[in-house]
Amino acid sequence: MEIKELKCNAESLTAALSGRMDALTAPEFTDQLEKWIAEGRINFTIDCSQLDYISSAGLRALLIIAKKVGGLNGKLQLAALQESVQTVFEISGFNKIIPLFATLDDAEK
């Protein structure tokens, strides 16, 4: 999995994920977002258009970050999920926990 920062300002950051988010790569995601939170960013938009796969470990990592930023009055939202990843969110009910947007532009409005 690769995490790439796309744009940021004082409190917000947009990043892109690519590859697989699983038990091996989820800690990398959590570590990186916790670093950005420590820098004062509390609002995250994640472009998932290149994220091919997410496991339960990946969902857990997203939930950890969503709760952390929610406690700081921030938000975590995801955009442009591939169909297979979108299905995992719908089956697991995570689409009711983390806002999902069809496109990155929709999420950034």
N, C-alpha and C. Protein backbone atom coordinates (compact mmCIF):
# COMPACT_ATOMS: atom_id res chain seq x y z
N MET A 1 0.83 -1.17 0.00
CA MET A 1 0.00 0.00 0.00
C MET A 1 0.88 1.24 0.00
N GLU A 2 0.45 2.23 -0.72
CA GLU A 2 1.15 3.51 -0.74
C GLU A 2 0.19 4.60 -0.29
N ILE A 3 0.68 5.50 0.55
CA ILE A 3 -0.08 6.66 1.01
C ILE A 3 0.61 7.89 0.44
N LYS A 4 -0.12 8.68 -0.32
CA LYS A 4 0.46 9.85 -0.96
C LYS A 4 -0.35 11.09 -0.58
N GLU A 5 0.33 12.07 -0.02
CA GLU A 5 -0.32 13.34 0.31
C GLU A 5 -0.59 14.10 -0.98
N LEU A 6 -1.84 14.54 -1.16
CA LEU A 6 -2.21 15.28 -2.36
C LEU A 6 -2.25 16.78 -2.11
N LYS A 7 -2.89 17.18 -1.02
CA LYS A 7 -2.92 18.60 -0.65
C LYS A 7 -3.27 18.73 0.82
N CYS A 8 -2.83 19.84 1.40
CA CYS A 8 -3.12 20.05 2.80
C CYS A 8 -3.14 21.53 3.13
N ASN A 9 -3.79 21.84 4.26
CA ASN A 9 -3.72 23.17 4.85
C ASN A 9 -3.62 22.99 6.35
N ALA A 10 -3.90 24.01 7.11
CA ALA A 10 -3.67 23.96 8.56
C ALA A 10 -4.37 22.79 9.25
N GLU A 11 -5.64 22.52 8.92
CA GLU A 11 -6.38 21.48 9.62
C GLU A 11 -6.80 20.31 8.74
N SER A 12 -6.70 20.45 7.42
CA SER A 12 -7.21 19.43 6.51
C SER A 12 -6.11 18.85 5.64
N LEU A 13 -6.33 17.60 5.24
CA LEU A 13 -5.37 16.93 4.37
C LEU A 13 -6.13 15.97 3.46
N THR A 14 -5.75 15.98 2.20
CA THR A 14 -6.27 15.02 1.23
C THR A 14 -5.12 14.12 0.83
N ALA A 15 -5.37 12.82 0.89
CA ALA A 15 -4.34 11.83 0.55
C ALA A 15 -4.95 10.76 -0.34
N ALA A 16 -4.08 10.02 -1.01
CA ALA A 16 -4.52 8.92 -1.86
C ALA A 16 -3.91 7.62 -1.38
N LEU A 17 -4.71 6.57 -1.38
CA LEU A 17 -4.24 5.23 -1.04
C LEU A 17 -4.20 4.41 -2.31
N SER A 18 -3.20 3.57 -2.43
CA SER A 18 -3.15 2.64 -3.56
C SER A 18 -2.66 1.29 -3.07
N GLY A 19 -3.07 0.25 -3.78
CA GLY A 19 -2.65 -1.10 -3.43
C GLY A 19 -3.64 -1.79 -2.51
N ARG A 20 -3.11 -2.50 -1.51
CA ARG A 20 -3.91 -3.30 -0.59
C ARG A 20 -3.77 -2.77 0.83
N MET A 21 -4.89 -2.68 1.53
CA MET A 21 -4.87 -2.31 2.94
C MET A 21 -5.28 -3.54 3.72
N ASP A 22 -4.28 -4.18 4.33
CA ASP A 22 -4.53 -5.44 5.05
C ASP A 22 -3.73 -5.44 6.35
N ALA A 23 -3.61 -6.59 6.97
CA ALA A 23 -2.92 -6.69 8.27
C ALA A 23 -1.48 -6.23 8.20
N LEU A 24 -0.84 -6.36 7.05
CA LEU A 24 0.55 -5.94 6.91
C LEU A 24 0.69 -4.44 6.69
N THR A 25 -0.28 -3.83 6.02
CA THR A 25 -0.14 -2.42 5.65
C THR A 25 -1.00 -1.47 6.48
N ALA A 26 -2.01 -1.97 7.17
CA ALA A 26 -2.87 -1.10 7.97
C ALA A 26 -2.10 -0.32 9.04
N PRO A 27 -1.11 -0.94 9.73
CA PRO A 27 -0.36 -0.15 10.72
C PRO A 27 0.37 1.04 10.09
N GLU A 28 0.84 0.90 8.86
CA GLU A 28 1.48 2.01 8.17
C GLU A 28 0.50 3.16 7.97
N PHE A 29 -0.73 2.84 7.60
CA PHE A 29 -1.78 3.85 7.44
C PHE A 29 -2.03 4.56 8.77
N THR A 30 -2.24 3.78 9.82
CA THR A 30 -2.51 4.36 11.13
C THR A 30 -1.36 5.25 11.60
N ASP A 31 -0.14 4.77 11.46
CA ASP A 31 1.04 5.55 11.86
C ASP A 31 1.11 6.87 11.11
N GLN A 32 0.89 6.84 9.79
CA GLN A 32 0.99 8.06 9.00
C GLN A 32 -0.10 9.06 9.38
N LEU A 33 -1.33 8.59 9.55
CA LEU A 33 -2.40 9.52 9.91
C LEU A 33 -2.21 10.06 11.32
N GLU A 34 -1.68 9.25 12.23
CA GLU A 34 -1.40 9.76 13.57
C GLU A 34 -0.32 10.83 13.55
N LYS A 35 0.64 10.72 12.64
CA LYS A 35 1.65 11.78 12.49
C LYS A 35 1.00 13.06 12.00
N TRP A 36 0.11 12.93 11.02
CA TRP A 36 -0.58 14.12 10.51
C TRP A 36 -1.49 14.75 11.58
N ILE A 37 -2.12 13.91 12.40
CA ILE A 37 -2.93 14.42 13.51
C ILE A 37 -2.05 15.18 14.49
N ALA A 38 -0.88 14.64 14.80
CA ALA A 38 0.06 15.30 15.71
C ALA A 38 0.51 16.66 15.16
N GLU A 39 0.49 16.80 13.84
CA GLU A 39 0.83 18.08 13.20
C GLU A 39 -0.34 19.05 13.20
N GLY A 40 -1.49 18.63 13.71
CA GLY A 40 -2.64 19.52 13.83
C GLY A 40 -3.74 19.31 12.80
N ARG A 41 -3.58 18.32 11.93
CA ARG A 41 -4.62 18.07 10.94
C ARG A 41 -5.67 17.13 11.54
N ILE A 42 -6.94 17.51 11.39
CA ILE A 42 -8.01 16.70 11.98
C ILE A 42 -9.11 16.35 10.96
N ASN A 43 -9.01 16.88 9.76
CA ASN A 43 -9.98 16.59 8.71
C ASN A 43 -9.26 15.91 7.55
N PHE A 44 -9.70 14.69 7.24
CA PHE A 44 -9.03 13.90 6.21
C PHE A 44 -10.01 13.45 5.14
N THR A 45 -9.59 13.63 3.90
CA THR A 45 -10.30 13.07 2.75
C THR A 45 -9.32 12.11 2.09
N ILE A 46 -9.74 10.88 1.92
CA ILE A 46 -8.86 9.86 1.36
C ILE A 46 -9.42 9.41 0.01
N ASP A 47 -8.62 9.59 -1.03
CA ASP A 47 -8.95 9.12 -2.37
C ASP A 47 -8.61 7.63 -2.43
N CYS A 48 -9.64 6.81 -2.62
CA CYS A 48 -9.46 5.35 -2.63
C CYS A 48 -9.58 4.77 -4.03
N SER A 49 -9.47 5.59 -5.05
CA SER A 49 -9.66 5.12 -6.42
C SER A 49 -8.64 4.07 -6.83
N GLN A 50 -7.48 4.05 -6.18
CA GLN A 50 -6.45 3.07 -6.50
C GLN A 50 -6.27 2.01 -5.41
N LEU A 51 -7.17 2.00 -4.44
CA LEU A 51 -7.14 0.99 -3.38
C LEU A 51 -7.87 -0.25 -3.90
N ASP A 52 -7.12 -1.32 -4.09
CA ASP A 52 -7.66 -2.54 -4.71
C ASP A 52 -8.35 -3.48 -3.74
N TYR A 53 -7.97 -3.41 -2.45
CA TYR A 53 -8.44 -4.40 -1.49
C TYR A 53 -8.37 -3.82 -0.09
N ILE A 54 -9.36 -4.16 0.74
CA ILE A 54 -9.31 -3.79 2.15
C ILE A 54 -9.78 -4.99 2.98
N SER A 55 -9.03 -5.30 4.01
CA SER A 55 -9.38 -6.42 4.91
C SER A 55 -10.00 -5.86 6.18
N SER A 56 -10.34 -6.75 7.09
CA SER A 56 -10.88 -6.32 8.37
C SER A 56 -9.86 -5.48 9.14
N ALA A 57 -8.59 -5.78 8.97
CA ALA A 57 -7.54 -4.98 9.63
C ALA A 57 -7.54 -3.55 9.07
N GLY A 58 -7.77 -3.43 7.79
CA GLY A 58 -7.87 -2.10 7.18
C GLY A 58 -9.08 -1.34 7.68
N LEU A 59 -10.20 -2.03 7.79
CA LEU A 59 -11.40 -1.40 8.33
C LEU A 59 -11.17 -0.95 9.77
N ARG A 60 -10.50 -1.78 10.54
CA ARG A 60 -10.20 -1.43 11.94
C ARG A 60 -9.31 -0.19 12.00
N ALA A 61 -8.32 -0.10 11.12
CA ALA A 61 -7.44 1.07 11.09
C ALA A 61 -8.23 2.33 10.77
N LEU A 62 -9.14 2.24 9.81
CA LEU A 62 -9.98 3.40 9.48
C LEU A 62 -10.86 3.80 10.65
N LEU A 63 -11.41 2.81 11.35
CA LEU A 63 -12.26 3.10 12.50
C LEU A 63 -11.47 3.78 13.62
N ILE A 64 -10.26 3.32 13.86
CA ILE A 64 -9.41 3.94 14.88
C ILE A 64 -9.18 5.42 14.56
N ILE A 65 -8.85 5.70 13.31
CA ILE A 65 -8.59 7.09 12.92
C ILE A 65 -9.88 7.91 12.95
N ALA A 66 -10.98 7.34 12.47
CA ALA A 66 -12.26 8.06 12.48
C ALA A 66 -12.65 8.45 13.91
N LYS A 67 -12.48 7.54 14.85
CA LYS A 67 -12.80 7.84 16.25
C LYS A 67 -11.86 8.90 16.81
N LYS A 68 -10.58 8.79 16.47
CA LYS A 68 -9.59 9.74 16.98
C LYS A 68 -9.89 11.16 16.49
N VAL A 69 -10.13 11.32 15.19
CA VAL A 69 -10.39 12.67 14.67
C VAL A 69 -11.78 13.15 15.09
N GLY A 70 -12.73 12.23 15.23
CA GLY A 70 -14.05 12.62 15.71
C GLY A 70 -13.98 13.21 17.11
N GLY A 71 -13.12 12.64 17.95
CA GLY A 71 -12.92 13.17 19.29
C GLY A 71 -12.27 14.54 19.31
N LEU A 72 -11.67 14.91 18.19
CA LEU A 72 -11.04 16.24 18.06
C LEU A 72 -11.92 17.18 17.23
N ASN A 73 -13.19 16.78 17.02
CA ASN A 73 -14.14 17.52 16.18
C ASN A 73 -13.69 17.60 14.72
N GLY A 74 -13.01 16.58 14.27
CA GLY A 74 -12.60 16.49 12.88
C GLY A 74 -13.40 15.41 12.17
N LYS A 75 -12.96 15.04 10.97
CA LYS A 75 -13.68 14.02 10.22
C LYS A 75 -12.73 13.24 9.32
N LEU A 76 -13.14 12.03 9.03
CA LEU A 76 -12.48 11.18 8.05
C LEU A 76 -13.53 10.82 7.03
N GLN A 77 -13.23 11.05 5.76
CA GLN A 77 -14.15 10.67 4.70
C GLN A 77 -13.37 10.05 3.56
N LEU A 78 -14.03 9.15 2.84
CA LEU A 78 -13.39 8.42 1.76
C LEU A 78 -14.10 8.73 0.44
N ALA A 79 -13.33 8.72 -0.63
CA ALA A 79 -13.89 9.04 -1.94
C ALA A 79 -13.42 8.05 -3.00
N ALA A 80 -14.25 7.87 -4.00
CA ALA A 80 -13.92 7.13 -5.22
C ALA A 80 -13.51 5.69 -4.96
N LEU A 81 -14.28 4.99 -4.13
CA LEU A 81 -13.97 3.60 -3.83
C LEU A 81 -14.24 2.71 -5.04
N GLN A 82 -13.34 1.77 -5.27
CA GLN A 82 -13.58 0.77 -6.30
C GLN A 82 -14.75 -0.11 -5.86
N GLU A 83 -15.40 -0.73 -6.81
CA GLU A 83 -16.61 -1.50 -6.51
C GLU A 83 -16.39 -2.57 -5.45
N SER A 84 -15.29 -3.30 -5.53
CA SER A 84 -15.03 -4.37 -4.56
C SER A 84 -14.82 -3.82 -3.15
N VAL A 85 -14.16 -2.68 -3.03
CA VAL A 85 -13.93 -2.06 -1.73
C VAL A 85 -15.24 -1.47 -1.22
N GLN A 86 -16.02 -0.85 -2.08
CA GLN A 86 -17.33 -0.31 -1.72
C GLN A 86 -18.22 -1.42 -1.16
N THR A 87 -18.18 -2.58 -1.78
CA THR A 87 -18.99 -3.72 -1.33
C THR A 87 -18.61 -4.13 0.09
N VAL A 88 -17.32 -4.16 0.39
CA VAL A 88 -16.85 -4.50 1.74
C VAL A 88 -17.43 -3.50 2.75
N PHE A 89 -17.42 -2.22 2.40
CA PHE A 89 -17.96 -1.19 3.30
C PHE A 89 -19.46 -1.39 3.52
N GLU A 90 -20.18 -1.71 2.47
CA GLU A 90 -21.62 -1.90 2.58
C GLU A 90 -21.96 -3.14 3.38
N ILE A 91 -21.29 -4.25 3.11
CA ILE A 91 -21.56 -5.50 3.84
C ILE A 91 -21.23 -5.36 5.32
N SER A 92 -20.14 -4.67 5.63
CA SER A 92 -19.70 -4.52 7.02
C SER A 92 -20.46 -3.43 7.77
N GLY A 93 -21.18 -2.58 7.04
CA GLY A 93 -21.89 -1.47 7.68
C GLY A 93 -21.02 -0.25 7.90
N PHE A 94 -19.78 -0.28 7.46
CA PHE A 94 -18.88 0.85 7.65
C PHE A 94 -19.30 2.07 6.84
N ASN A 95 -20.12 1.86 5.83
CA ASN A 95 -20.62 3.00 5.06
C ASN A 95 -21.55 3.87 5.90
N LYS A 96 -22.00 3.36 7.04
CA LYS A 96 -22.83 4.14 7.96
C LYS A 96 -21.97 4.85 9.02
N ILE A 97 -20.71 4.46 9.10
CA ILE A 97 -19.80 5.02 10.11
C ILE A 97 -18.89 6.09 9.49
N ILE A 98 -18.39 5.80 8.31
CA ILE A 98 -17.44 6.70 7.62
C ILE A 98 -18.11 7.20 6.34
N PRO A 99 -18.21 8.52 6.17
CA PRO A 99 -18.84 9.04 4.95
C PRO A 99 -18.07 8.63 3.69
N LEU A 100 -18.84 8.17 2.70
CA LEU A 100 -18.27 7.76 1.42
C LEU A 100 -18.82 8.67 0.32
N PHE A 101 -17.96 9.06 -0.60
CA PHE A 101 -18.35 9.92 -1.71
C PHE A 101 -17.96 9.27 -3.02
N ALA A 102 -18.76 9.51 -4.04
CA ALA A 102 -18.52 8.89 -5.35
C ALA A 102 -17.23 9.38 -5.99
N THR A 103 -16.90 10.66 -5.78
CA THR A 103 -15.70 11.24 -6.37
C THR A 103 -14.97 12.09 -5.35
N LEU A 104 -13.72 12.37 -5.62
CA LEU A 104 -12.92 13.24 -4.76
C LEU A 104 -13.51 14.64 -4.76
N ASP A 105 -13.97 15.12 -5.91
CA ASP A 105 -14.59 16.44 -5.99
C ASP A 105 -15.82 16.53 -5.09
N ASP A 106 -16.64 15.49 -5.08
CA ASP A 106 -17.83 15.48 -4.22
C ASP A 106 -17.43 15.58 -2.75
N ALA A 107 -16.40 14.89 -2.37
CA ALA A 107 -15.96 14.88 -0.97
C ALA A 107 -15.39 16.23 -0.54
N GLU A 108 -14.80 16.94 -1.47
CA GLU A 108 -14.14 18.20 -1.13
C GLU A 108 -15.08 19.41 -1.21
N LYS A 109 -16.33 19.20 -1.53
CA LYS A 109 -17.30 20.30 -1.60
C LYS A 109 -17.70 20.75 -0.22
